[in-house]
Amino acid sequence: MAERIGDLHDVIVVGAGVVGALIACRLREAGRDVLILDAGGTLPGRDRLVENHVLTARRSPGGPYRAEADPRAPSMESDSSDVIQPPGPPFKSTYERMVGGTTWHWFGLTPRMIPSDFRLRTLYGRGVNWPIDYADLEPWYCEAERELGVSGDHAEQDGLLGGFRSREYPMTPVFSSYSDELVRSRIDALTFEGIPLRLVNTPQARNSRPYQGRPACAGNSSCIPICPIGAKYDATVHIERFARVERGRGELRERTVVTRIAAAEDGSISHLEATPPDGNPVELHARLYVVAAHAIETPRLLLLSGLCRGNTHVGAYLMDHFNRALVTTTDEQTFPFRGPPTTSGIDALRDGPFRRLSAAFRVSLGNDGGGRTFDNARIIRQALSEGRYGADLRDTVRQRATRLIRAACLIEVLPDPANRVSLATDKDPLGLPKARIDFHVGDYEQAGLDRADKFLKTLLDGIAPGGSQTAQASAYDGAGHILGTTRMGATSSDSVVDSFGRVHGHSNLFIAGCSTFPTSGTCNPTLTAAALSLRLADLLITELTPAEVRS
């Protein structure tokens, strides 16, 4: 029996990633009593994490954080992951369960979805339509860009593929790289399937000037897995702001695993059950509850709690974006590793009639040499195998490592009910069923992968005719964009939540984050998730305000 904690909070938020942090911060700034719960802990100082990155041989997004992880809340990169995958095509994206969440190692790219992404079914007969459209979310996109601190080119992005903008970006664009300008000059007249290719600056939550107490980007090139100076946004920005707010009441309880959401007979949520660090279960009570625990942990928690009974959409429609990359050597030096991992891309392939038959994709130009596809360690090994040593080895590596350009396609994935999160028979350290992921690659996505391969060859042939090209070894990589599983819609017959995130049948329970996406869209999802979260926070503030005050 869980010990009952007497306080009745206005809102309990489960998850201290970007979504939970934004909502909690907005609510406390409105004078509300907010409790944040997170399964992981607060990480040590950034200096310690940078040291972890420098000292570990594991060059993965989660490398700096592995030593700091709570064994009761392991990430998908942990040896004791809470996620089980049966044999078959793997779901390749991972996440972190810790305060700040996966924004600790995200790229920081913040393009907006385009209007057609919200109307995929109507326009192309694929997937489903969202219950909201671009115009509904546009003001909240502006607000999310202000909150996260996005650098971008307003004139270049305004009207791009129909996506109008009503406000300037908070900051001017992050500087383009030397290799970006080289590519720009070489693809000026290049087309693919009759579509002109134009390089545009990529909006990103990375400071181009000092902003909200954080420094401007210094071009350290280690943004994946960690920005050493905090120029790139991560969710601890809003967690720290939440703690400083003088209005309302606010508390963050870390290393506290929510194990059950309890519902009364009328479907309303009566309390949460959670296990804090001391291992003694507690009951926690609020007027409203928000689950912002990512697109794998959120459906897992709903299933563990026995909520949404009979709703087959819980856990279904798991999505990502597939990543496909190609690297070429150029006839002149490109001097990579000066700036963030990417500063420019090509958006022209994000929309068009081809979406009836194959997945759309967005293209990024890399400033990270060969990236994971052809990294510097591989260059060194290759030179050593040729018998090069001393000054010859140094000069060879310098010449090869400074003549690389990487292009990568971020490929749309359709919602498929067979791609889902369910409960496994294996148990976690608290004795709860782990999450099971079933996943496969559909014909639409495979057509997109094949088309991306043709595009990448066309692009890199145009940039470096006759250059030596290297493709990634795997059929696809994950983009780290874990989407779907509690999608939004009109009723429980087609979805888990409504357009604000309110769970059908549970009036005071809300879900926030990428798990509510009905389709994957054609870009990095964090800005869209942030915009939806701010929109939800506004609704929650209204619902917590007495009717007589509202009127």
Protein backbone atom coordinates (compact mmCIF):
# COMPACT_ATOMS: atom_id res chain seq x y z
CA MET A 1 0.00 0.00 0.00
CA ALA A 2 1.42 3.35 -1.06
CA GLU A 3 1.79 6.09 1.57
CA ARG A 4 -0.58 8.97 0.86
CA ILE A 5 0.92 12.42 0.47
CA GLY A 6 -1.64 15.00 1.58
CA ASP A 7 -0.93 17.99 -0.69
CA LEU A 8 -3.36 18.55 -3.54
CA HIS A 9 -1.32 20.14 -6.31
CA ASP A 10 -2.87 22.07 -9.16
CA VAL A 11 -0.91 20.02 -11.70
CA ILE A 12 1.49 17.11 -11.60
CA VAL A 13 3.77 16.83 -14.63
CA VAL A 14 5.41 13.47 -15.31
CA GLY A 15 8.67 13.98 -17.19
CA ALA A 16 11.27 16.76 -17.04
CA GLY A 17 12.26 16.89 -20.70
CA VAL A 18 11.61 19.88 -22.94
CA VAL A 19 7.84 19.31 -23.06
CA GLY A 20 7.31 18.82 -19.33
CA ALA A 21 9.69 21.63 -18.47
CA LEU A 22 7.94 24.14 -20.74
CA ILE A 23 4.49 23.28 -19.39
CA ALA A 24 5.57 23.33 -15.75
CA CYS A 25 7.38 26.63 -16.16
CA ARG A 26 4.38 28.30 -17.84
CA LEU A 27 2.02 27.03 -15.13
CA ARG A 28 4.16 28.23 -12.25
CA GLU A 29 4.64 31.62 -13.91
CA ALA A 30 0.82 31.81 -13.92
CA GLY A 31 0.86 31.32 -10.15
CA ARG A 32 -0.03 27.62 -10.04
CA ASP A 33 1.16 24.86 -7.71
CA VAL A 34 3.14 22.44 -9.87
CA LEU A 35 4.96 19.21 -9.04
CA ILE A 36 7.35 17.70 -11.61
CA LEU A 37 8.31 14.04 -11.35
CA ASP A 38 11.15 12.46 -13.30
CA ALA A 39 12.39 8.88 -13.27
CA GLY A 40 15.99 10.01 -13.75
CA GLY A 41 18.17 12.37 -11.81
CA THR A 42 19.64 15.80 -12.22
CA LEU A 43 22.94 15.51 -14.03
CA PRO A 44 26.17 16.91 -12.58
CA GLY A 45 27.68 20.11 -13.97
CA ARG A 46 28.33 20.47 -17.70
CA ASP A 47 32.09 20.33 -17.08
CA ARG A 48 31.74 16.83 -15.63
CA LEU A 49 29.68 15.67 -18.62
CA VAL A 50 32.19 17.11 -21.08
CA GLU A 51 34.90 15.23 -19.18
CA ASN A 52 32.84 12.02 -19.51
CA HIS A 53 32.62 12.67 -23.26
CA VAL A 54 36.36 13.20 -23.57
CA LEU A 55 37.28 10.10 -21.56
CA THR A 56 34.82 7.55 -22.95
CA ALA A 57 35.61 5.39 -25.95
CA ARG A 58 31.87 5.08 -26.64
CA ARG A 59 31.14 7.76 -29.25
CA SER A 60 27.37 7.62 -29.07
CA PRO A 61 24.72 10.25 -28.28
CA GLY A 62 24.39 8.87 -24.75
CA GLY A 63 28.12 8.51 -24.12
CA PRO A 64 28.59 11.37 -21.61
CA TYR A 65 25.50 10.35 -19.65
CA ARG A 66 25.91 6.60 -19.19
CA ALA A 67 27.96 6.92 -16.01
CA GLU A 68 25.33 9.24 -14.53
CA ALA A 69 22.21 7.18 -15.36
CA ASP A 70 19.94 5.81 -12.64
CA PRO A 71 19.77 2.01 -12.94
CA ARG A 72 16.04 2.24 -12.18
CA ALA A 73 15.56 4.48 -15.22
CA PRO A 74 17.98 3.25 -17.86
CA SER A 75 18.02 4.73 -21.35
CA MET A 76 17.78 2.63 -24.50
CA GLU A 77 21.57 2.82 -24.76
CA SER A 78 22.02 1.21 -21.35
CA ASP A 79 23.09 -2.39 -21.00
CA SER A 80 19.95 -2.97 -18.90
CA SER A 81 17.50 -1.08 -21.12
CA ASP A 82 13.83 -1.08 -20.21
CA VAL A 83 13.00 -1.73 -23.88
CA ILE A 84 12.75 -5.19 -25.48
CA GLN A 85 12.89 -5.72 -29.25
CA PRO A 86 12.16 -9.12 -30.80
CA PRO A 87 14.16 -10.25 -33.86
CA GLY A 88 13.37 -8.31 -37.01
CA PRO A 89 14.02 -4.81 -38.41
CA PRO A 90 15.24 -2.76 -35.44
CA PHE A 91 13.80 0.49 -34.14
CA LYS A 92 17.07 2.39 -33.94
CA SER A 93 16.37 5.61 -32.07
CA THR A 94 17.21 6.00 -28.39
CA TYR A 95 16.34 8.40 -25.58
CA GLU A 96 17.49 9.43 -22.12
CA ARG A 97 15.48 9.16 -18.89
CA MET A 98 16.95 11.99 -16.86
CA VAL A 99 16.18 15.59 -15.97
CA GLY A 100 16.51 17.47 -19.24
CA GLY A 101 15.70 14.37 -21.26
CA THR A 102 17.00 13.78 -24.75
CA THR A 103 17.60 17.48 -25.41
CA TRP A 104 20.94 16.85 -23.73
CA HIS A 105 22.13 15.31 -26.99
CA TRP A 106 19.76 16.55 -29.69
CA PHE A 107 21.01 18.31 -32.84
CA GLY A 108 19.11 21.46 -31.87
CA LEU A 109 17.46 21.81 -35.30
CA THR A 110 14.06 23.52 -35.19
CA PRO A 111 12.39 23.69 -38.62
CA ARG A 112 8.60 23.92 -38.62
CA MET A 113 6.32 21.33 -40.12
CA ILE A 114 4.79 22.56 -43.38
CA PRO A 115 1.02 22.92 -44.03
CA SER A 116 0.80 19.74 -46.13
CA ASP A 117 2.26 17.69 -43.27
CA PHE A 118 -0.98 18.28 -41.37
CA ARG A 119 -3.20 17.18 -44.31
CA LEU A 120 -1.41 14.12 -45.66
CA ARG A 121 -4.59 12.07 -46.07
CA THR A 122 -6.52 14.75 -47.92
CA LEU A 123 -3.70 15.73 -50.24
CA TYR A 124 -2.04 12.40 -50.97
CA GLY A 125 -4.26 9.62 -49.63
CA ARG A 126 -1.63 8.55 -47.08
CA GLY A 127 -1.64 8.36 -43.29
CA VAL A 128 -4.21 10.56 -41.54
CA ASN A 129 -4.96 14.26 -41.21
CA TRP A 130 -4.15 16.06 -37.98
CA PRO A 131 -7.18 17.51 -36.13
CA ILE A 132 -5.41 20.90 -36.31
CA ASP A 133 -3.63 22.61 -39.16
CA TYR A 134 -0.58 24.81 -39.62
CA ALA A 135 -2.52 28.04 -39.04
CA ASP A 136 -3.77 26.76 -35.66
CA LEU A 137 -0.21 26.14 -34.51
CA GLU A 138 1.57 29.09 -36.16
CA PRO A 139 1.27 31.54 -33.21
CA TRP A 140 2.54 28.82 -30.89
CA TYR A 141 5.47 28.09 -33.23
CA CYS A 142 6.45 31.74 -32.77
CA GLU A 143 6.15 31.42 -29.00
CA ALA A 144 8.18 28.18 -28.97
CA GLU A 145 10.93 29.84 -31.00
CA ARG A 146 11.08 32.62 -28.43
CA GLU A 147 11.14 30.22 -25.46
CA LEU A 148 13.83 27.93 -26.88
CA GLY A 149 15.83 30.73 -28.45
CA VAL A 150 15.85 29.93 -32.16
CA SER A 151 18.25 31.48 -34.65
CA GLY A 152 16.92 31.66 -38.20
CA ASP A 153 16.39 33.61 -41.39
CA HIS A 154 12.83 34.99 -41.34
CA ALA A 155 12.81 36.14 -44.96
CA GLU A 156 14.10 32.80 -46.22
CA GLN A 157 11.68 30.71 -44.15
CA ASP A 158 8.55 32.86 -44.52
CA GLY A 159 6.34 31.13 -47.11
CA LEU A 160 8.66 28.15 -47.52
CA LEU A 161 6.46 25.35 -48.91
CA GLY A 162 3.42 27.32 -47.77
CA GLY A 163 4.54 27.82 -44.18
CA PHE A 164 3.92 31.50 -43.46
CA ARG A 165 5.49 33.25 -40.47
CA SER A 166 3.88 36.01 -38.38
CA ARG A 167 6.97 36.93 -36.30
CA GLU A 168 10.71 37.32 -36.79
CA TYR A 169 13.05 34.80 -35.19
CA PRO A 170 14.50 35.86 -31.83
CA MET A 171 18.00 35.74 -33.34
CA THR A 172 19.62 36.05 -36.74
CA PRO A 173 20.85 32.81 -38.35
CA VAL A 174 23.79 30.83 -37.08
CA PHE A 175 26.64 31.48 -39.50
CA SER A 176 26.89 29.24 -42.55
CA SER A 177 29.96 27.03 -42.81
CA TYR A 178 32.70 27.26 -45.42
CA SER A 179 31.55 23.97 -46.95
CA ASP A 180 27.95 25.27 -47.12
CA GLU A 181 29.10 28.14 -49.32
CA LEU A 182 31.11 25.75 -51.48
CA VAL A 183 28.04 23.55 -51.96
CA ARG A 184 25.81 26.56 -52.64
CA SER A 185 28.02 27.66 -55.53
CA ARG A 186 28.12 24.17 -57.05
CA ILE A 187 24.41 23.28 -57.00
CA ASP A 188 23.16 26.62 -58.31
CA ALA A 189 21.69 25.04 -61.46
CA LEU A 190 21.20 21.49 -60.14
CA THR A 191 17.78 19.79 -60.24
CA PHE A 192 16.39 16.42 -59.17
CA GLU A 193 13.38 15.05 -61.01
CA GLY A 194 12.87 18.54 -62.35
CA ILE A 195 12.89 20.13 -58.86
CA PRO A 196 15.42 22.97 -58.41
CA LEU A 197 17.70 22.44 -55.42
CA ARG A 198 18.33 25.44 -53.22
CA LEU A 199 20.38 25.51 -50.04
CA VAL A 200 18.65 27.34 -47.16
CA ASN A 201 19.81 28.15 -43.66
CA THR A 202 18.47 25.72 -41.03
CA PRO A 203 16.68 27.26 -38.02
CA GLN A 204 18.08 25.96 -34.75
CA ALA A 205 17.79 26.42 -31.00
CA ARG A 206 21.39 27.55 -30.80
CA ASN A 207 22.42 31.07 -29.95
CA SER A 208 23.86 33.27 -32.68
CA ARG A 209 24.31 35.93 -29.97
CA PRO A 210 24.08 35.90 -26.17
CA TYR A 211 20.46 35.10 -25.33
CA GLN A 212 18.66 34.52 -22.03
CA GLY A 213 21.95 34.34 -20.14
CA ARG A 214 23.55 31.79 -22.46
CA PRO A 215 26.55 32.46 -24.75
CA ALA A 216 26.66 32.50 -28.52
CA CYS A 217 27.71 29.34 -30.36
CA ALA A 218 31.49 29.05 -30.45
CA GLY A 219 31.62 26.32 -33.08
CA ASN A 220 32.95 23.57 -30.81
CA SER A 221 31.49 20.83 -33.08
CA SER A 222 30.65 18.50 -30.21
CA CYS A 223 26.92 19.37 -30.11
CA ILE A 224 26.25 15.65 -30.48
CA PRO A 225 26.52 14.47 -27.76
CA ILE A 226 26.98 17.67 -25.72
CA CYS A 227 27.35 21.41 -26.14
CA PRO A 228 30.26 22.26 -23.82
CA ILE A 229 29.21 25.88 -23.23
CA GLY A 230 25.39 25.74 -23.19
CA ALA A 231 24.86 27.78 -26.37
CA LYS A 232 22.52 25.06 -27.60
CA TYR A 233 19.19 24.90 -25.78
CA ASP A 234 18.39 21.96 -23.54
CA ALA A 235 15.46 21.48 -21.19
CA THR A 236 17.47 22.32 -18.07
CA VAL A 237 17.06 25.95 -19.18
CA HIS A 238 13.37 25.77 -18.29
CA ILE A 239 13.89 23.47 -15.29
CA GLU A 240 16.20 26.09 -13.80
CA ARG A 241 13.77 28.87 -14.69
CA PHE A 242 10.95 26.89 -13.07
CA ALA A 243 12.98 26.78 -9.84
CA ARG A 244 13.58 30.55 -9.91
CA VAL A 245 9.95 31.59 -10.43
CA GLU A 246 8.65 33.46 -7.37
CA ARG A 247 4.95 32.99 -8.11
CA GLY A 248 2.97 29.87 -7.20
CA ARG A 249 4.67 26.81 -5.79
CA GLY A 250 6.96 24.48 -7.65
CA GLU A 251 8.90 21.33 -6.85
CA LEU A 252 10.94 18.85 -8.87
CA ARG A 253 11.23 15.34 -7.45
CA GLU A 254 13.89 13.46 -9.34
CA ARG A 255 14.58 9.70 -9.38
CA THR A 256 10.87 9.20 -8.74
CA VAL A 257 9.34 6.57 -11.01
CA VAL A 258 5.60 6.85 -11.64
CA THR A 259 4.30 3.29 -11.65
CA ARG A 260 0.53 3.75 -11.97
CA ILE A 261 -2.11 6.33 -12.85
CA ALA A 262 -5.23 5.51 -10.84
CA ALA A 263 -8.72 6.33 -12.19
CA ALA A 264 -12.03 6.69 -10.38
CA GLU A 265 -15.23 5.05 -11.63
CA ASP A 266 -16.14 8.12 -13.72
CA GLY A 267 -12.77 7.94 -15.49
CA SER A 268 -11.25 10.96 -13.76
CA ILE A 269 -7.76 10.45 -12.38
CA SER A 270 -7.72 10.22 -8.59
CA HIS A 271 -3.97 9.98 -7.96
CA LEU A 272 -0.59 8.77 -9.14
CA GLU A 273 1.45 6.03 -7.52
CA ALA A 274 5.20 6.56 -7.59
CA THR A 275 8.36 5.07 -6.16
CA PRO A 276 10.89 7.65 -4.89
CA PRO A 277 14.60 6.94 -4.29
CA ASP A 278 13.96 5.40 -0.86
CA GLY A 279 11.83 2.68 -2.47
CA ASN A 280 8.70 3.37 -0.42
CA PRO A 281 5.71 3.91 -2.78
CA VAL A 282 3.67 7.09 -2.39
CA GLU A 283 0.33 8.43 -3.65
CA LEU A 284 0.35 11.90 -5.19
CA HIS A 285 -2.76 14.01 -5.85
CA ALA A 286 -3.58 16.90 -8.19
CA ARG A 287 -6.47 18.55 -9.98
CA LEU A 288 -4.88 17.93 -13.38
CA TYR A 289 -2.21 15.47 -14.55
CA VAL A 290 0.14 15.79 -17.53
CA VAL A 291 2.21 12.86 -18.80
CA ALA A 292 5.21 14.03 -20.81
CA ALA A 293 7.28 10.88 -20.61
CA HIS A 294 8.21 10.30 -24.26
CA ALA A 295 6.58 8.14 -26.93
CA ILE A 296 7.76 4.84 -25.43
CA GLU A 297 7.43 5.44 -21.70
CA THR A 298 4.07 7.25 -22.02
CA PRO A 299 2.10 4.37 -23.61
CA ARG A 300 3.91 1.96 -21.32
CA LEU A 301 2.60 3.88 -18.31
CA LEU A 302 -0.95 3.95 -19.71
CA LEU A 303 -0.83 0.20 -20.30
CA LEU A 304 0.63 -0.47 -16.84
CA SER A 305 -2.23 1.57 -15.37
CA GLY A 306 -4.98 -0.19 -17.32
CA LEU A 307 -6.24 3.11 -18.73
CA CYS A 308 -8.05 3.65 -22.05
CA ARG A 309 -9.46 0.13 -21.93
CA GLY A 310 -10.52 -1.10 -25.34
CA ASN A 311 -8.66 1.68 -27.15
CA THR A 312 -6.42 -0.17 -29.59
CA HIS A 313 -4.58 3.02 -30.50
CA VAL A 314 -2.61 3.09 -27.22
CA GLY A 315 0.97 2.20 -28.15
CA ALA A 316 0.20 1.99 -31.87
CA TYR A 317 1.62 3.98 -34.80
CA LEU A 318 5.19 4.18 -33.50
CA MET A 319 7.22 6.30 -35.91
CA ASP A 320 10.65 7.83 -36.39
CA HIS A 321 12.39 9.47 -39.30
CA PHE A 322 14.81 7.25 -41.17
CA ASN A 323 18.24 8.71 -41.80
CA ARG A 324 20.19 7.93 -44.97
CA ALA A 325 23.62 9.48 -45.57
CA LEU A 326 26.30 9.64 -48.25
CA VAL A 327 29.80 11.11 -48.00
CA THR A 328 31.99 12.35 -50.84
CA THR A 329 35.55 13.58 -51.16
CA THR A 330 35.99 16.91 -52.91
CA ASP A 331 38.71 18.37 -55.10
CA GLU A 332 39.33 21.19 -52.64
CA GLN A 333 39.44 21.36 -48.87
CA THR A 334 36.09 21.92 -47.11
CA PHE A 335 37.55 22.31 -43.59
CA PRO A 336 34.81 20.59 -41.56
CA PHE A 337 34.37 20.73 -37.77
CA ARG A 338 34.10 24.53 -37.71
CA GLY A 339 30.65 25.21 -36.34
CA PRO A 340 27.60 23.14 -35.39
CA PRO A 341 27.02 19.72 -37.03
CA THR A 342 24.77 21.28 -39.68
CA THR A 343 23.82 24.83 -40.61
CA SER A 344 22.11 24.46 -44.00
CA GLY A 345 19.83 22.06 -45.84
CA ILE A 346 17.52 21.49 -48.80
CA ASP A 347 13.76 21.55 -48.18
CA ALA A 348 12.47 21.16 -51.75
CA LEU A 349 11.93 17.40 -51.41
CA ARG A 350 9.67 17.74 -48.35
CA ASP A 351 6.52 18.00 -50.46
CA GLY A 352 5.10 17.20 -53.87
CA PRO A 353 2.83 14.76 -55.75
CA PHE A 354 5.46 12.04 -55.24
CA ARG A 355 4.13 11.67 -51.67
CA ARG A 356 1.31 9.53 -53.02
CA LEU A 357 3.91 6.83 -53.77
CA SER A 358 6.98 7.42 -51.61
CA ALA A 359 8.09 9.16 -48.45
CA ALA A 360 9.19 12.77 -48.51
CA PHE A 361 12.50 13.85 -47.01
CA ARG A 362 14.44 16.85 -45.82
CA VAL A 363 18.17 17.12 -46.57
CA SER A 364 20.91 18.32 -44.22
CA LEU A 365 24.46 19.26 -45.19
CA GLY A 366 26.97 18.14 -42.59
CA ASN A 367 29.78 20.20 -41.12
CA ASP A 368 31.11 17.10 -39.36
CA GLY A 369 33.33 15.61 -42.06
CA GLY A 370 32.15 12.11 -42.81
CA GLY A 371 30.07 11.92 -39.63
CA ARG A 372 29.48 8.37 -38.46
CA THR A 373 29.55 7.17 -42.08
CA PHE A 374 33.24 7.90 -42.66
CA ASP A 375 34.74 9.16 -39.42
CA ASN A 376 38.33 10.22 -38.76
CA ALA A 377 39.17 6.95 -37.03
CA ARG A 378 38.37 5.15 -40.28
CA ILE A 379 40.57 7.56 -42.21
CA ILE A 380 43.46 6.89 -39.83
CA ARG A 381 43.00 3.10 -40.01
CA GLN A 382 42.91 3.24 -43.79
CA ALA A 383 46.10 5.30 -43.95
CA LEU A 384 47.87 2.95 -41.53
CA SER A 385 46.82 -0.04 -43.65
CA GLU A 386 48.60 1.63 -46.55
CA GLY A 387 51.85 1.66 -44.54
CA ARG A 388 51.85 5.40 -43.84
CA TYR A 389 53.64 6.58 -40.70
CA GLY A 390 55.09 9.77 -39.22
CA ALA A 391 54.82 12.92 -41.30
CA ASP A 392 53.35 10.94 -44.22
CA LEU A 393 50.52 9.65 -41.97
CA ARG A 394 49.87 13.14 -40.60
CA ASP A 395 49.76 14.78 -44.03
CA THR A 396 47.57 12.02 -45.51
CA VAL A 397 45.02 12.23 -42.70
CA ARG A 398 44.98 16.02 -42.91
CA GLN A 399 44.35 15.96 -46.66
CA ARG A 400 41.61 13.32 -46.50
CA ALA A 401 39.81 14.55 -43.38
CA THR A 402 39.53 18.12 -44.72
CA ARG A 403 38.01 17.16 -48.10
CA LEU A 404 34.76 15.55 -46.97
CA ILE A 405 31.13 16.59 -47.38
CA ARG A 406 28.25 14.60 -45.88
CA ALA A 407 24.65 14.88 -46.98
CA ALA A 408 21.83 13.14 -45.10
CA CYS A 409 18.13 12.64 -45.83
CA LEU A 410 15.55 12.69 -43.03
CA ILE A 411 12.84 10.39 -44.38
CA GLU A 412 9.16 10.46 -43.45
CA VAL A 413 7.59 7.37 -41.82
CA LEU A 414 3.86 6.62 -42.04
CA PRO A 415 1.73 5.61 -39.04
CA ASP A 416 1.28 1.82 -39.12
CA PRO A 417 -0.75 0.02 -36.41
CA ALA A 418 1.70 -2.91 -36.53
CA ASN A 419 4.53 -0.62 -35.38
CA ARG A 420 3.78 -0.36 -31.69
CA VAL A 421 4.81 -0.29 -28.05
CA SER A 422 3.31 -2.96 -25.79
CA LEU A 423 4.20 -4.63 -22.48
CA ALA A 424 6.90 -7.31 -22.48
CA THR A 425 7.08 -10.32 -20.19
CA ASP A 426 10.53 -9.20 -18.99
CA LYS A 427 10.54 -7.07 -15.82
CA ASP A 428 12.47 -3.93 -14.90
CA PRO A 429 14.28 -3.36 -11.55
CA LEU A 430 10.95 -2.30 -9.96
CA GLY A 431 9.28 -5.52 -11.09
CA LEU A 432 7.22 -3.82 -13.82
CA PRO A 433 6.88 -5.14 -17.38
CA LYS A 434 9.36 -3.54 -19.75
CA ALA A 435 8.29 -1.90 -23.00
CA ARG A 436 8.26 -4.13 -26.08
CA ILE A 437 8.77 -2.57 -29.53
CA ASP A 438 7.55 -4.22 -32.72
CA PHE A 439 8.64 -2.45 -35.87
CA HIS A 440 9.00 -2.96 -39.62
CA VAL A 441 9.80 -0.93 -42.72
CA GLY A 442 6.83 -0.40 -45.04
CA ASP A 443 6.76 -0.09 -48.83
CA TYR A 444 6.21 3.69 -48.63
CA GLU A 445 9.29 4.17 -46.49
CA GLN A 446 11.39 1.81 -48.61
CA ALA A 447 10.42 3.76 -51.72
CA GLY A 448 11.52 6.91 -49.90
CA LEU A 449 14.85 5.31 -48.94
CA ASP A 450 15.46 4.23 -52.53
CA ARG A 451 14.58 7.69 -53.83
CA ALA A 452 16.84 9.29 -51.21
CA ASP A 453 19.75 7.16 -52.42
CA LYS A 454 19.24 8.39 -55.98
CA PHE A 455 18.95 11.97 -54.78
CA LEU A 456 22.12 11.80 -52.67
CA LYS A 457 24.14 10.46 -55.60
CA THR A 458 22.79 13.21 -57.86
CA LEU A 459 23.60 15.87 -55.27
CA LEU A 460 27.10 14.69 -54.48
CA ASP A 461 27.93 14.09 -58.15
CA GLY A 462 27.00 17.73 -58.68
CA ILE A 463 29.11 18.90 -55.76
CA ALA A 464 32.16 16.74 -56.46
CA PRO A 465 32.13 15.14 -59.97
CA GLY A 466 34.24 12.00 -59.85
CA GLY A 467 34.65 12.18 -56.09
CA SER A 468 34.94 8.98 -54.06
CA GLN A 469 31.58 8.30 -52.38
CA THR A 470 30.91 6.26 -49.24
CA ALA A 471 27.40 5.22 -48.15
CA GLN A 472 26.43 4.24 -44.61
CA ALA A 473 26.64 0.51 -44.05
CA SER A 474 23.12 0.08 -42.66
CA ALA A 475 19.89 0.20 -44.67
CA TYR A 476 18.74 3.08 -42.46
CA ASP A 477 19.61 4.81 -39.23
CA GLY A 478 17.22 6.27 -36.69
CA ALA A 479 16.96 10.03 -36.34
CA GLY A 480 16.20 10.00 -32.61
CA HIS A 481 12.66 11.19 -33.31
CA ILE A 482 10.37 8.84 -31.39
CA LEU A 483 6.82 9.68 -32.45
CA GLY A 484 3.24 8.45 -32.26
CA THR A 485 1.84 5.82 -29.83
CA THR A 486 -0.80 8.13 -28.23
CA ARG A 487 -1.92 10.09 -31.27
CA MET A 488 -4.40 12.97 -31.32
CA GLY A 489 -7.75 12.86 -33.09
CA ALA A 490 -11.48 13.41 -32.76
CA THR A 491 -12.61 10.44 -30.63
CA SER A 492 -11.36 7.22 -29.06
CA SER A 493 -12.32 5.44 -32.29
CA ASP A 494 -9.38 7.05 -34.09
CA SER A 495 -7.02 8.29 -31.37
CA VAL A 496 -5.94 8.41 -27.73
CA VAL A 497 -6.12 12.17 -27.07
CA ASP A 498 -7.88 15.22 -28.51
CA SER A 499 -6.07 18.04 -30.28
CA PHE A 500 -4.89 19.55 -26.97
CA GLY A 501 -3.74 16.23 -25.51
CA ARG A 502 -6.69 15.45 -23.23
CA VAL A 503 -7.06 11.67 -22.96
CA HIS A 504 -10.41 10.41 -24.25
CA GLY A 505 -12.44 9.13 -21.28
CA HIS A 506 -10.15 10.67 -18.64
CA SER A 507 -11.08 14.34 -18.36
CA ASN A 508 -8.27 15.54 -16.10
CA LEU A 509 -5.44 13.56 -17.74
CA PHE A 510 -3.36 15.07 -20.54
CA ILE A 511 -0.51 13.75 -22.67
CA ALA A 512 2.10 16.10 -24.08
CA GLY A 513 4.91 15.58 -26.53
CA CYS A 514 5.79 13.74 -29.71
CA SER A 515 3.66 10.72 -28.80
CA THR A 516 0.57 12.74 -29.79
CA PHE A 517 1.73 13.21 -33.42
CA PRO A 518 -0.69 11.51 -35.88
CA THR A 519 2.00 11.52 -38.61
CA SER A 520 5.74 12.08 -38.56
CA GLY A 521 5.88 15.15 -40.78
CA THR A 522 9.00 16.01 -42.73
CA CYS A 523 11.32 17.62 -40.20
CA ASN A 524 12.80 17.40 -36.73
CA PRO A 525 9.85 17.34 -34.28
CA THR A 526 11.02 19.22 -31.18
CA LEU A 527 9.76 22.66 -32.17
CA THR A 528 6.33 21.24 -33.03
CA ALA A 529 6.22 19.39 -29.69
CA ALA A 530 7.19 22.61 -27.90
CA ALA A 531 4.49 24.60 -29.72
CA LEU A 532 1.83 22.01 -28.85
CA SER A 533 2.99 22.06 -25.23
CA LEU A 534 2.70 25.82 -24.91
CA ARG A 535 -0.78 25.61 -26.46
CA LEU A 536 -1.71 22.96 -23.89
CA ALA A 537 -0.25 25.01 -21.03
CA ASP A 538 -2.51 27.90 -22.02
CA LEU A 539 -5.55 25.57 -21.85
CA LEU A 540 -4.51 24.22 -18.44
CA ILE A 541 -4.16 27.74 -17.02
CA THR A 542 -7.66 28.51 -18.27
CA GLU A 543 -9.12 25.33 -16.76
CA LEU A 544 -7.50 26.08 -13.42
CA THR A 545 -8.98 29.59 -13.40
CA PRO A 546 -12.42 29.84 -11.71
CA ALA A 547 -15.24 30.57 -14.15
CA GLU A 548 -16.17 33.81 -12.41
CA VAL A 549 -12.62 35.10 -12.85
CA ARG A 550 -12.54 34.05 -16.53
CA SER A 551 -15.74 35.92 -17.26
